Amino acid sequence: MNRNSSGRRYDREFKNNAVALVRGGRTITEVARDLGVSKWSLGHWVQRAEEGQMLSEPKTLALETPEQRELRRLRQELEYVSRQRDILKKALGGSLHIPAKRFNPGFESTRG
């Protein structure tokens, strides 16, 4: 599940929104950094839009059902959150230990 940024696929709406940000006055470098896309890809999208060519959606995305698209999005989100968790674990260096559950035999008898 560890994929690098190459090979990502962006739908037509994402590309159009990215191009609109550039046309709105922001630089390609800024927009590419903020959206996590390469400057080359964004520059290519802007160039195609300026030439009047419609930005295409990758065939793999065009053939996806809404459920497949949602599943792909959720997997990407899980990968991102897992990376964030791993970073935090490394930052703590194992100094924080929280037991999963403590056994308290008297707890059940005090509940009403």
PDB file of N, CA and C in Angstrom:
ATOM      1  N   MET A   1       0.797  -1.185   0.000  1.00  0.00           N
ATOM      2  CA  MET A   1       0.000   0.000   0.000  1.00  0.00           C
ATOM      3  C   MET A   1       0.847   1.260   0.000  1.00  0.00           C
ATOM      4  N   ASN A   2       2.136   1.144   0.209  1.00  0.00           N
ATOM      5  CA  ASN A   2       3.025   2.290   0.177  1.00  0.00           C
ATOM      6  C   ASN A   2       3.369   2.641  -1.254  1.00  0.00           C
ATOM      7  N   ARG A   3       2.677   3.643  -1.773  1.00  0.00           N
ATOM      8  CA  ARG A   3       2.955   4.104  -3.129  1.00  0.00           C
ATOM      9  C   ARG A   3       3.547   5.481  -3.050  1.00  0.00           C
ATOM     10  N   ASN A   4       4.483   5.737  -3.939  1.00  0.00           N
ATOM     11  CA  ASN A   4       5.013   7.090  -3.991  1.00  0.00           C
ATOM     12  C   ASN A   4       4.058   7.948  -4.805  1.00  0.00           C
ATOM     13  N   SER A   5       4.385   9.215  -4.972  1.00  0.00           N
ATOM     14  CA  SER A   5       3.450  10.122  -5.627  1.00  0.00           C
ATOM     15  C   SER A   5       3.325   9.886  -7.127  1.00  0.00           C
ATOM     16  N   SER A   6       4.245   9.152  -7.728  1.00  0.00           N
ATOM     17  CA  SER A   6       4.113   8.888  -9.152  1.00  0.00           C
ATOM     18  C   SER A   6       2.999   7.881  -9.384  1.00  0.00           C
ATOM     19  N   GLY A   7       2.308   8.035 -10.463  1.00  0.00           N
ATOM     20  CA  GLY A   7       1.237   7.110 -10.780  1.00  0.00           C
ATOM     21  C   GLY A   7      -0.110   7.535 -10.244  1.00  0.00           C
ATOM     22  N   ARG A   8      -0.198   8.696  -9.618  1.00  0.00           N
ATOM     23  CA  ARG A   8      -1.479   9.165  -9.121  1.00  0.00           C
ATOM     24  C   ARG A   8      -2.359   9.561 -10.286  1.00  0.00           C
ATOM     25  N   ARG A   9      -3.654   9.429 -10.083  1.00  0.00           N
ATOM     26  CA  ARG A   9      -4.618   9.807 -11.109  1.00  0.00           C
ATOM     27  C   ARG A   9      -5.533  10.883 -10.543  1.00  0.00           C
ATOM     28  N   TYR A  10      -5.753  11.923 -11.309  1.00  0.00           N
ATOM     29  CA  TYR A  10      -6.591  13.033 -10.873  1.00  0.00           C
ATOM     30  C   TYR A  10      -7.795  13.142 -11.809  1.00  0.00           C
ATOM     31  N   ASP A  11      -8.960  13.349 -11.232  1.00  0.00           N
ATOM     32  CA  ASP A  11     -10.149  13.462 -12.075  1.00  0.00           C
ATOM     33  C   ASP A  11     -10.215  14.851 -12.715  1.00  0.00           C
ATOM     34  N   ARG A  12     -11.094  14.985 -13.659  1.00  0.00           N
ATOM     35  CA  ARG A  12     -11.222  16.219 -14.450  1.00  0.00           C
ATOM     36  C   ARG A  12     -11.532  17.418 -13.557  1.00  0.00           C
ATOM     37  N   GLU A  13     -12.406  17.231 -12.577  1.00  0.00           N
ATOM     38  CA  GLU A  13     -12.783  18.332 -11.688  1.00  0.00           C
ATOM     39  C   GLU A  13     -11.570  18.855 -10.915  1.00  0.00           C
ATOM     40  N   PHE A  14     -10.740  17.952 -10.410  1.00  0.00           N
ATOM     41  CA  PHE A  14      -9.538  18.344  -9.678  1.00  0.00           C
ATOM     42  C   PHE A  14      -8.617  19.167 -10.574  1.00  0.00           C
ATOM     43  N   LYS A  15      -8.407  18.688 -11.798  1.00  0.00           N
ATOM     44  CA  LYS A  15      -7.529  19.392 -12.738  1.00  0.00           C
ATOM     45  C   LYS A  15      -8.068  20.784 -13.057  1.00  0.00           C
ATOM     46  N   ASN A  16      -9.375  20.859 -13.325  1.00  0.00           N
ATOM     47  CA  ASN A  16      -9.981  22.162 -13.640  1.00  0.00           C
ATOM     48  C   ASN A  16      -9.867  23.130 -12.474  1.00  0.00           C
ATOM     49  N   ASN A  17     -10.062  22.636 -11.258  1.00  0.00           N
ATOM     50  CA  ASN A  17      -9.935  23.495 -10.074  1.00  0.00           C
ATOM     51  C   ASN A  17      -8.505  23.967  -9.893  1.00  0.00           C
ATOM     52  N   ALA A  18      -7.538  23.089 -10.157  1.00  0.00           N
ATOM     53  CA  ALA A  18      -6.125  23.467 -10.038  1.00  0.00           C
ATOM     54  C   ALA A  18      -5.779  24.538 -11.068  1.00  0.00           C
ATOM     55  N   VAL A  19      -6.239  24.360 -12.292  1.00  0.00           N
ATOM     56  CA  VAL A  19      -5.990  25.349 -13.353  1.00  0.00           C
ATOM     57  C   VAL A  19      -6.643  26.684 -12.984  1.00  0.00           C
ATOM     58  N   ALA A  20      -7.835  26.632 -12.414  1.00  0.00           N
ATOM     59  CA  ALA A  20      -8.532  27.859 -12.016  1.00  0.00           C
ATOM     60  C   ALA A  20      -7.744  28.628 -10.958  1.00  0.00           C
ATOM     61  N   LEU A  21      -7.094  27.919 -10.058  1.00  0.00           N
ATOM     62  CA  LEU A  21      -6.266  28.592  -9.051  1.00  0.00           C
ATOM     63  C   LEU A  21      -5.102  29.327  -9.704  1.00  0.00           C
ATOM     64  N   VAL A  22      -4.493  28.707 -10.705  1.00  0.00           N
ATOM     65  CA  VAL A  22      -3.388  29.357 -11.419  1.00  0.00           C
ATOM     66  C   VAL A  22      -3.904  30.560 -12.194  1.00  0.00           C
ATOM     67  N   ARG A  23      -5.027  30.397 -12.859  1.00  0.00           N
ATOM     68  CA  ARG A  23      -5.605  31.516 -13.612  1.00  0.00           C
ATOM     69  C   ARG A  23      -6.054  32.639 -12.692  1.00  0.00           C
ATOM     70  N   GLY A  24      -6.304  32.308 -11.431  1.00  0.00           N
ATOM     71  CA  GLY A  24      -6.715  33.308 -10.452  1.00  0.00           C
ATOM     72  C   GLY A  24      -5.560  34.141  -9.919  1.00  0.00           C
ATOM     73  N   GLY A  25      -4.349  33.866 -10.375  1.00  0.00           N
ATOM     74  CA  GLY A  25      -3.223  34.702 -10.008  1.00  0.00           C
ATOM     75  C   GLY A  25      -2.142  34.021  -9.193  1.00  0.00           C
ATOM     76  N   ARG A  26      -2.380  32.809  -8.738  1.00  0.00           N
ATOM     77  CA  ARG A  26      -1.353  32.105  -7.966  1.00  0.00           C
ATOM     78  C   ARG A  26      -0.352  31.467  -8.925  1.00  0.00           C
ATOM     79  N   THR A  27       0.852  31.245  -8.441  1.00  0.00           N
ATOM     80  CA  THR A  27       1.871  30.653  -9.303  1.00  0.00           C
ATOM     81  C   THR A  27       1.685  29.137  -9.368  1.00  0.00           C
ATOM     82  N   ILE A  28       2.228  28.565 -10.431  1.00  0.00           N
ATOM     83  CA  ILE A  28       2.165  27.109 -10.590  1.00  0.00           C
ATOM     84  C   ILE A  28       2.882  26.431  -9.430  1.00  0.00           C
ATOM     85  N   THR A  29       3.991  26.996  -9.009  1.00  0.00           N
ATOM     86  CA  THR A  29       4.753  26.412  -7.907  1.00  0.00           C
ATOM     87  C   THR A  29       3.930  26.379  -6.623  1.00  0.00           C
ATOM     88  N   GLU A  30       3.256  27.486  -6.307  1.00  0.00           N
ATOM     89  CA  GLU A  30       2.427  27.547  -5.099  1.00  0.00           C
ATOM     90  C   GLU A  30       1.302  26.524  -5.132  1.00  0.00           C
ATOM     91  N   VAL A  31       0.576  26.521  -6.233  1.00  0.00           N
ATOM     92  CA  VAL A  31      -0.582  25.634  -6.345  1.00  0.00           C
ATOM     93  C   VAL A  31      -0.143  24.174  -6.317  1.00  0.00           C
ATOM     94  N   ALA A  32       0.929  23.860  -7.037  1.00  0.00           N
ATOM     95  CA  ALA A  32       1.423  22.483  -7.064  1.00  0.00           C
ATOM     96  C   ALA A  32       1.821  22.032  -5.662  1.00  0.00           C
ATOM     97  N   ARG A  33       2.509  22.892  -4.935  1.00  0.00           N
ATOM     98  CA  ARG A  33       2.927  22.552  -3.567  1.00  0.00           C
ATOM     99  C   ARG A  33       1.708  22.356  -2.665  1.00  0.00           C
ATOM    100  N   ASP A  34       0.749  23.261  -2.736  1.00  0.00           N
ATOM    101  CA  ASP A  34      -0.427  23.186  -1.869  1.00  0.00           C
ATOM    102  C   ASP A  34      -1.302  21.968  -2.158  1.00  0.00           C
ATOM    103  N   LEU A  35      -1.386  21.584  -3.429  1.00  0.00           N
ATOM    104  CA  LEU A  35      -2.238  20.457  -3.802  1.00  0.00           C
ATOM    105  C   LEU A  35      -1.492  19.127  -3.812  1.00  0.00           C
ATOM    106  N   GLY A  36      -0.178  19.171  -3.720  1.00  0.00           N
ATOM    107  CA  GLY A  36       0.599  17.931  -3.707  1.00  0.00           C
ATOM    108  C   GLY A  36       0.736  17.283  -5.072  1.00  0.00           C
ATOM    109  N   VAL A  37       0.761  18.108  -6.119  1.00  0.00           N
ATOM    110  CA  VAL A  37       0.972  17.583  -7.470  1.00  0.00           C
ATOM    111  C   VAL A  37       2.303  18.120  -7.976  1.00  0.00           C
ATOM    112  N   SER A  38       2.822  17.507  -9.023  1.00  0.00           N
ATOM    113  CA  SER A  38       4.094  17.985  -9.555  1.00  0.00           C
ATOM    114  C   SER A  38       3.872  19.270 -10.351  1.00  0.00           C
ATOM    115  N   LYS A  39       4.915  20.110 -10.366  1.00  0.00           N
ATOM    116  CA  LYS A  39       4.833  21.341 -11.147  1.00  0.00           C
ATOM    117  C   LYS A  39       4.666  21.015 -12.625  1.00  0.00           C
ATOM    118  N   TRP A  40       5.306  19.933 -13.061  1.00  0.00           N
ATOM    119  CA  TRP A  40       5.208  19.537 -14.469  1.00  0.00           C
ATOM    120  C   TRP A  40       3.761  19.215 -14.832  1.00  0.00           C
ATOM    121  N   SER A  41       3.094  18.414 -14.011  1.00  0.00           N
ATOM    122  CA  SER A  41       1.703  18.038 -14.308  1.00  0.00           C
ATOM    123  C   SER A  41       0.807  19.256 -14.341  1.00  0.00           C
ATOM    124  N   LEU A  42       0.922  20.106 -13.326  1.00  0.00           N
ATOM    125  CA  LEU A  42       0.072  21.292 -13.270  1.00  0.00           C
ATOM    126  C   LEU A  42       0.353  22.209 -14.458  1.00  0.00           C
ATOM    127  N   GLY A  43       1.626  22.384 -14.798  1.00  0.00           N
ATOM    128  CA  GLY A  43       1.965  23.209 -15.960  1.00  0.00           C
ATOM    129  C   GLY A  43       1.379  22.639 -17.246  1.00  0.00           C
ATOM    130  N   HIS A  44       1.393  21.324 -17.356  1.00  0.00           N
ATOM    131  CA  HIS A  44       0.811  20.650 -18.524  1.00  0.00           C
ATOM    132  C   HIS A  44      -0.704  20.890 -18.586  1.00  0.00           C
ATOM    133  N   TRP A  45      -1.374  20.798 -17.446  1.00  0.00           N
ATOM    134  CA  TRP A  45      -2.824  21.032 -17.409  1.00  0.00           C
ATOM    135  C   TRP A  45      -3.148  22.467 -17.801  1.00  0.00           C
ATOM    136  N   VAL A  46      -2.350  23.418 -17.294  1.00  0.00           N
ATOM    137  CA  VAL A  46      -2.577  24.835 -17.609  1.00  0.00           C
ATOM    138  C   VAL A  46      -2.372  25.069 -19.101  1.00  0.00           C
ATOM    139  N   GLN A  47      -1.299  24.499 -19.653  1.00  0.00           N
ATOM    140  CA  GLN A  47      -1.009  24.658 -21.074  1.00  0.00           C
ATOM    141  C   GLN A  47      -2.144  24.100 -21.927  1.00  0.00           C
ATOM    142  N   ARG A  48      -2.620  22.918 -21.592  1.00  0.00           N
ATOM    143  CA  ARG A  48      -3.718  22.307 -22.357  1.00  0.00           C
ATOM    144  C   ARG A  48      -4.984  23.142 -22.253  1.00  0.00           C
ATOM    145  N   ALA A  49      -5.236  23.697 -21.085  1.00  0.00           N
ATOM    146  CA  ALA A  49      -6.427  24.526 -20.908  1.00  0.00           C
ATOM    147  C   ALA A  49      -6.305  25.810 -21.734  1.00  0.00           C
ATOM    148  N   GLU A  50      -5.114  26.398 -21.781  1.00  0.00           N
ATOM    149  CA  GLU A  50      -4.897  27.616 -22.563  1.00  0.00           C
ATOM    150  C   GLU A  50      -5.046  27.352 -24.057  1.00  0.00           C
ATOM    151  N   GLU A  51      -4.706  26.142 -24.482  1.00  0.00           N
ATOM    152  CA  GLU A  51      -4.845  25.771 -25.891  1.00  0.00           C
ATOM    153  C   GLU A  51      -6.284  25.408 -26.232  1.00  0.00           C
ATOM    154  N   GLY A  52      -7.152  25.430 -25.231  1.00  0.00           N
ATOM    155  CA  GLY A  52      -8.555  25.116 -25.464  1.00  0.00           C
ATOM    156  C   GLY A  52      -8.854  23.634 -25.485  1.00  0.00           C
ATOM    157  N   GLN A  53      -7.877  22.832 -25.124  1.00  0.00           N
ATOM    158  CA  GLN A  53      -8.098  21.394 -25.091  1.00  0.00           C
ATOM    159  C   GLN A  53      -8.764  21.033 -23.768  1.00  0.00           C
ATOM    160  N   MET A  54      -9.700  20.141 -23.857  1.00  0.00           N
ATOM    161  CA  MET A  54     -10.399  19.695 -22.656  1.00  0.00           C
ATOM    162  C   MET A  54      -9.465  18.805 -21.843  1.00  0.00           C
ATOM    163  N   LEU A  55      -9.424  19.044 -20.536  1.00  0.00           N
ATOM    164  CA  LEU A  55      -8.597  18.203 -19.675  1.00  0.00           C
ATOM    165  C   LEU A  55      -9.265  16.844 -19.563  1.00  0.00           C
ATOM    166  N   SER A  56      -8.467  15.834 -19.800  1.00  0.00           N
ATOM    167  CA  SER A  56      -9.031  14.481 -19.820  1.00  0.00           C
ATOM    168  C   SER A  56      -8.966  13.841 -18.451  1.00  0.00           C
ATOM    169  N   GLU A  57      -9.865  12.922 -18.273  1.00  0.00           N
ATOM    170  CA  GLU A  57      -9.876  12.120 -17.064  1.00  0.00           C
ATOM    171  C   GLU A  57      -9.208  10.798 -17.424  1.00  0.00           C
ATOM    172  N   PRO A  58      -8.297  10.305 -16.602  1.00  0.00           N
ATOM    173  CA  PRO A  58      -7.676   9.022 -16.927  1.00  0.00           C
ATOM    174  C   PRO A  58      -8.735   7.947 -17.137  1.00  0.00           C
ATOM    175  N   LYS A  59      -8.483   7.052 -18.080  1.00  0.00           N
ATOM    176  CA  LYS A  59      -9.460   6.003 -18.391  1.00  0.00           C
ATOM    177  C   LYS A  59      -9.792   5.169 -17.170  1.00  0.00           C
ATOM    178  N   THR A  60      -8.803   4.964 -16.311  1.00  0.00           N
ATOM    179  CA  THR A  60      -9.070   4.166 -15.115  1.00  0.00           C
ATOM    180  C   THR A  60     -10.086   4.851 -14.206  1.00  0.00           C
ATOM    181  N   LEU A  61     -10.053   6.182 -14.148  1.00  0.00           N
ATOM    182  CA  LEU A  61     -11.022   6.909 -13.331  1.00  0.00           C
ATOM    183  C   LEU A  61     -12.374   6.994 -14.025  1.00  0.00           C
ATOM    184  N   ALA A  62     -12.351   7.160 -15.334  1.00  0.00           N
ATOM    185  CA  ALA A  62     -13.603   7.296 -16.070  1.00  0.00           C
ATOM    186  C   ALA A  62     -14.436   6.025 -15.994  1.00  0.00           C
ATOM    187  N   LEU A  63     -13.789   4.883 -15.856  1.00  0.00           N
ATOM    188  CA  LEU A  63     -14.498   3.613 -15.812  1.00  0.00           C
ATOM    189  C   LEU A  63     -14.900   3.203 -14.397  1.00  0.00           C
ATOM    190  N   GLU A  64     -14.478   3.950 -13.404  1.00  0.00           N
ATOM    191  CA  GLU A  64     -14.794   3.603 -12.020  1.00  0.00           C
ATOM    192  C   GLU A  64     -16.248   3.896 -11.681  1.00  0.00           C
ATOM    193  N   THR A  65     -16.816   3.030 -10.895  1.00  0.00           N
ATOM    194  CA  THR A  65     -18.148   3.290 -10.353  1.00  0.00           C
ATOM    195  C   THR A  65     -17.971   4.221  -9.158  1.00  0.00           C
ATOM    196  N   PRO A  66     -19.037   4.876  -8.721  1.00  0.00           N
ATOM    197  CA  PRO A  66     -18.923   5.739  -7.537  1.00  0.00           C
ATOM    198  C   PRO A  66     -18.417   4.972  -6.307  1.00  0.00           C
ATOM    199  N   GLU A  67     -18.811   3.719  -6.178  1.00  0.00           N
ATOM    200  CA  GLU A  67     -18.360   2.922  -5.037  1.00  0.00           C
ATOM    201  C   GLU A  67     -16.853   2.656  -5.118  1.00  0.00           C
ATOM    202  N   GLN A  68     -16.358   2.363  -6.313  1.00  0.00           N
ATOM    203  CA  GLN A  68     -14.927   2.127  -6.486  1.00  0.00           C
ATOM    204  C   GLN A  68     -14.128   3.400  -6.203  1.00  0.00           C
ATOM    205  N   ARG A  69     -14.661   4.523  -6.640  1.00  0.00           N
ATOM    206  CA  ARG A  69     -13.989   5.800  -6.406  1.00  0.00           C
ATOM    207  C   ARG A  69     -13.926   6.097  -4.903  1.00  0.00           C
ATOM    208  N   GLU A  70     -15.029   5.846  -4.198  1.00  0.00           N
ATOM    209  CA  GLU A  70     -15.065   6.070  -2.755  1.00  0.00           C
ATOM    210  C   GLU A  70     -14.101   5.130  -2.041  1.00  0.00           C
ATOM    211  N   LEU A  71     -14.045   3.884  -2.460  1.00  0.00           N
ATOM    212  CA  LEU A  71     -13.130   2.916  -1.867  1.00  0.00           C
ATOM    213  C   LEU A  71     -11.675   3.355  -2.077  1.00  0.00           C
ATOM    214  N   ARG A  72     -11.363   3.830  -3.280  1.00  0.00           N
ATOM    215  CA  ARG A  72     -10.011   4.308  -3.571  1.00  0.00           C
ATOM    216  C   ARG A  72      -9.680   5.512  -2.698  1.00  0.00           C
ATOM    217  N   ARG A  73     -10.635   6.435  -2.548  1.00  0.00           N
ATOM    218  CA  ARG A  73     -10.424   7.616  -1.715  1.00  0.00           C
ATOM    219  C   ARG A  73     -10.193   7.222  -0.256  1.00  0.00           C
ATOM    220  N   LEU A  74     -10.983   6.271   0.244  1.00  0.00           N
ATOM    221  CA  LEU A  74     -10.840   5.830   1.627  1.00  0.00           C
ATOM    222  C   LEU A  74      -9.502   5.136   1.857  1.00  0.00           C
ATOM    223  N   ARG A  75      -9.057   4.354   0.876  1.00  0.00           N
ATOM    224  CA  ARG A  75      -7.749   3.705   0.998  1.00  0.00           C
ATOM    225  C   ARG A  75      -6.628   4.735   1.039  1.00  0.00           C
ATOM    226  N   GLN A  76      -6.732   5.775   0.216  1.00  0.00           N
ATOM    227  CA  GLN A  76      -5.722   6.829   0.222  1.00  0.00           C
ATOM    228  C   GLN A  76      -5.727   7.558   1.560  1.00  0.00           C
ATOM    229  N   GLU A  77      -6.922   7.808   2.087  1.00  0.00           N
ATOM    230  CA  GLU A  77      -7.022   8.483   3.374  1.00  0.00           C
ATOM    231  C   GLU A  77      -6.430   7.615   4.489  1.00  0.00           C
ATOM    232  N   LEU A  78      -6.709   6.317   4.454  1.00  0.00           N
ATOM    233  CA  LEU A  78      -6.146   5.403   5.450  1.00  0.00           C
ATOM    234  C   LEU A  78      -4.623   5.398   5.387  1.00  0.00           C
ATOM    235  N   GLU A  79      -4.087   5.374   4.178  1.00  0.00           N
ATOM    236  CA  GLU A  79      -2.635   5.394   4.011  1.00  0.00           C
ATOM    237  C   GLU A  79      -2.043   6.674   4.599  1.00  0.00           C
ATOM    238  N   TYR A  80      -2.704   7.805   4.344  1.00  0.00           N
ATOM    239  CA  TYR A  80      -2.239   9.095   4.858  1.00  0.00           C
ATOM    240  C   TYR A  80      -2.281   9.110   6.388  1.00  0.00           C
ATOM    241  N   VAL A  81      -3.389   8.678   6.969  1.00  0.00           N
ATOM    242  CA  VAL A  81      -3.532   8.681   8.423  1.00  0.00           C
ATOM    243  C   VAL A  81      -2.541   7.713   9.066  1.00  0.00           C
ATOM    244  N   SER A  82      -2.308   6.588   8.433  1.00  0.00           N
ATOM    245  CA  SER A  82      -1.332   5.625   8.956  1.00  0.00           C
ATOM    246  C   SER A  82       0.070   6.229   8.965  1.00  0.00           C
ATOM    247  N   ARG A  83       0.424   6.953   7.905  1.00  0.00           N
ATOM    248  CA  ARG A  83       1.736   7.616   7.870  1.00  0.00           C
ATOM    249  C   ARG A  83       1.850   8.648   8.989  1.00  0.00           C
ATOM    250  N   GLN A  84       0.767   9.417   9.204  1.00  0.00           N
ATOM    251  CA  GLN A  84       0.775  10.421  10.266  1.00  0.00           C
ATOM    252  C   GLN A  84       0.944   9.767  11.637  1.00  0.00           C
ATOM    253  N   ARG A  85       0.248   8.646  11.857  1.00  0.00           N
ATOM    254  CA  ARG A  85       0.356   7.909  13.115  1.00  0.00           C
ATOM    255  C   ARG A  85       1.800   7.436  13.325  1.00  0.00           C
ATOM    256  N   ASP A  86       2.403   6.888  12.268  1.00  0.00           N
ATOM    257  CA  ASP A  86       3.770   6.390  12.373  1.00  0.00           C
ATOM    258  C   ASP A  86       4.748   7.513  12.703  1.00  0.00           C
ATOM    259  N   ILE A  87       4.529   8.677  12.125  1.00  0.00           N
ATOM    260  CA  ILE A  87       5.387   9.833  12.410  1.00  0.00           C
ATOM    261  C   ILE A  87       5.274  10.215  13.877  1.00  0.00           C
ATOM    262  N   LEU A  88       4.034  10.236  14.384  1.00  0.00           N
ATOM    263  CA  LEU A  88       3.837  10.588  15.793  1.00  0.00           C
ATOM    264  C   LEU A  88       4.441   9.542  16.726  1.00  0.00           C
ATOM    265  N   LYS A  89       4.330   8.272  16.357  1.00  0.00           N
ATOM    266  CA  LYS A  89       4.935   7.217  17.171  1.00  0.00           C
ATOM    267  C   LYS A  89       6.441   7.409  17.258  1.00  0.00           C
ATOM    268  N   LYS A  90       7.066   7.707  16.133  1.00  0.00           N
ATOM    269  CA  LYS A  90       8.517   7.911  16.113  1.00  0.00           C
ATOM    270  C   LYS A  90       8.901   9.143  16.925  1.00  0.00           C
ATOM    271  N   ALA A  91       8.075  10.178  16.839  1.00  0.00           N
ATOM    272  CA  ALA A  91       8.368  11.409  17.574  1.00  0.00           C
ATOM    273  C   ALA A  91       8.299  11.178  19.081  1.00  0.00           C
ATOM    274  N   LEU A  92       7.364  10.344  19.510  1.00  0.00           N
ATOM    275  CA  LEU A  92       7.257  10.043  20.938  1.00  0.00           C
ATOM    276  C   LEU A  92       8.343   9.091  21.396  1.00  0.00           C
ATOM    277  N   GLY A  93       8.875   8.325  20.494  1.00  0.00           N
ATOM    278  CA  GLY A  93       9.963   7.411  20.817  1.00  0.00           C
ATOM    279  C   GLY A  93       9.582   6.338  21.810  1.00  0.00           C
ATOM    280  N   GLY A  94       8.339   5.965  21.835  1.00  0.00           N
ATOM    281  CA  GLY A  94       7.896   4.909  22.729  1.00  0.00           C
ATOM    282  C   GLY A  94       7.822   5.340  24.181  1.00  0.00           C
ATOM    283  N   SER A  95       7.903   6.660  24.447  1.00  0.00           N
ATOM    284  CA  SER A  95       7.894   7.141  25.828  1.00  0.00           C
ATOM    285  C   SER A  95       6.497   7.118  26.442  1.00  0.00           C
ATOM    286  N   LEU A  96       5.488   7.037  25.639  1.00  0.00           N
ATOM    287  CA  LEU A  96       4.120   7.037  26.131  1.00  0.00           C
ATOM    288  C   LEU A  96       3.536   5.646  25.992  1.00  0.00           C
ATOM    289  N   HIS A  97       3.183   5.055  27.119  1.00  0.00           N
ATOM    290  CA  HIS A  97       2.582   3.724  27.080  1.00  0.00           C
ATOM    291  C   HIS A  97       1.227   3.804  27.753  1.00  0.00           C
ATOM    292  N   ILE A  98       0.182   3.517  26.997  1.00  0.00           N
ATOM    293  CA  ILE A  98      -1.169   3.526  27.531  1.00  0.00           C
ATOM    294  C   ILE A  98      -1.696   2.106  27.456  1.00  0.00           C
ATOM    295  N   PRO A  99      -2.020   1.501  28.601  1.00  0.00           N
ATOM    296  CA  PRO A  99      -2.548   0.138  28.555  1.00  0.00           C
ATOM    297  C   PRO A  99      -3.887   0.111  27.845  1.00  0.00           C
ATOM    298  N   ALA A 100      -4.133  -0.958  27.111  1.00  0.00           N
ATOM    299  CA  ALA A 100      -5.373  -1.069  26.352  1.00  0.00           C
ATOM    300  C   ALA A 100      -6.575  -1.111  27.272  1.00  0.00           C
ATOM    301  N   LYS A 101      -6.509  -1.922  28.330  1.00  0.00           N
ATOM    302  CA  LYS A 101      -7.631  -2.041  29.246  1.00  0.00           C
ATOM    303  C   LYS A 101      -7.095  -2.572  30.572  1.00  0.00           C
ATOM    304  N   ARG A 102      -7.523  -1.971  31.643  1.00  0.00           N
ATOM    305  CA  ARG A 102      -7.092  -2.448  32.956  1.00  0.00           C
ATOM    306  C   ARG A 102      -8.159  -3.359  33.534  1.00  0.00           C
ATOM    307  N   PHE A 103      -7.712  -4.397  34.177  1.00  0.00           N
ATOM    308  CA  PHE A 103      -8.624  -5.339  34.800  1.00  0.00           C
ATOM    309  C   PHE A 103      -8.977  -4.813  36.193  1.00  0.00           C
ATOM    310  N   ASN A 104     -10.257  -4.638  36.440  1.00  0.00           N
ATOM    311  CA  ASN A 104     -10.740  -4.162  37.738  1.00  0.00           C
ATOM    312  C   ASN A 104     -11.868  -5.078  38.182  1.00  0.00           C
ATOM    313  N   PRO A 105     -11.570  -6.108  38.975  1.00  0.00           N
ATOM    314  CA  PRO A 105     -12.584  -7.091  39.322  1.00  0.00           C
ATOM    315  C   PRO A 105     -13.747  -6.488  40.103  1.00  0.00           C
ATOM    316  N   GLY A 106     -13.550  -5.434  40.860  1.00  0.00           N
ATOM    317  CA  GLY A 106     -14.639  -4.851  41.641  1.00  0.00           C
ATOM    318  C   GLY A 106     -15.520  -3.907  40.828  1.00  0.00           C
ATOM    319  N   PHE A 107     -15.109  -3.582  39.636  1.00  0.00           N
ATOM    320  CA  PHE A 107     -15.838  -2.617  38.826  1.00  0.00           C
ATOM    321  C   PHE A 107     -17.227  -3.121  38.456  1.00  0.00           C
ATOM    322  N   GLU A 108     -17.357  -4.361  38.057  1.00  0.00           N
ATOM    323  CA  GLU A 108     -18.644  -4.907  37.630  1.00  0.00           C
ATOM    324  C   GLU A 108     -19.655  -4.941  38.779  1.00  0.00           C
ATOM    325  N   SER A 109     -19.173  -5.209  39.996  1.00  0.00           N
ATOM    326  CA  SER A 109     -20.094  -5.321  41.118  1.00  0.00           C
ATOM    327  C   SER A 109     -20.606  -3.965  41.583  1.00  0.00           C
ATOM    328  N   THR A 110     -19.885  -2.859  41.236  1.00  0.00           N
ATOM    329  CA  THR A 110     -20.343  -1.526  41.678  1.00  0.00           C
ATOM    330  C   THR A 110     -21.271  -0.889  40.679  1.00  0.00           C
ATOM    331  N   ARG A 111     -21.400  -1.474  39.535  1.00  0.00           N
ATOM    332  CA  ARG A 111     -22.296  -0.901  38.510  1.00  0.00           C
ATOM    333  C   ARG A 111     -23.724  -1.266  38.838  1.00  0.00           C
ATOM    334  N   GLY A 112     -24.633  -0.359  38.543  1.00  0.00           N
ATOM    335  CA  GLY A 112     -26.025  -0.603  38.890  1.00  0.00           C
ATOM    336  C   GLY A 112     -26.901  -0.879  37.779  1.00  0.00           C
TER     337      GLY A 112
END
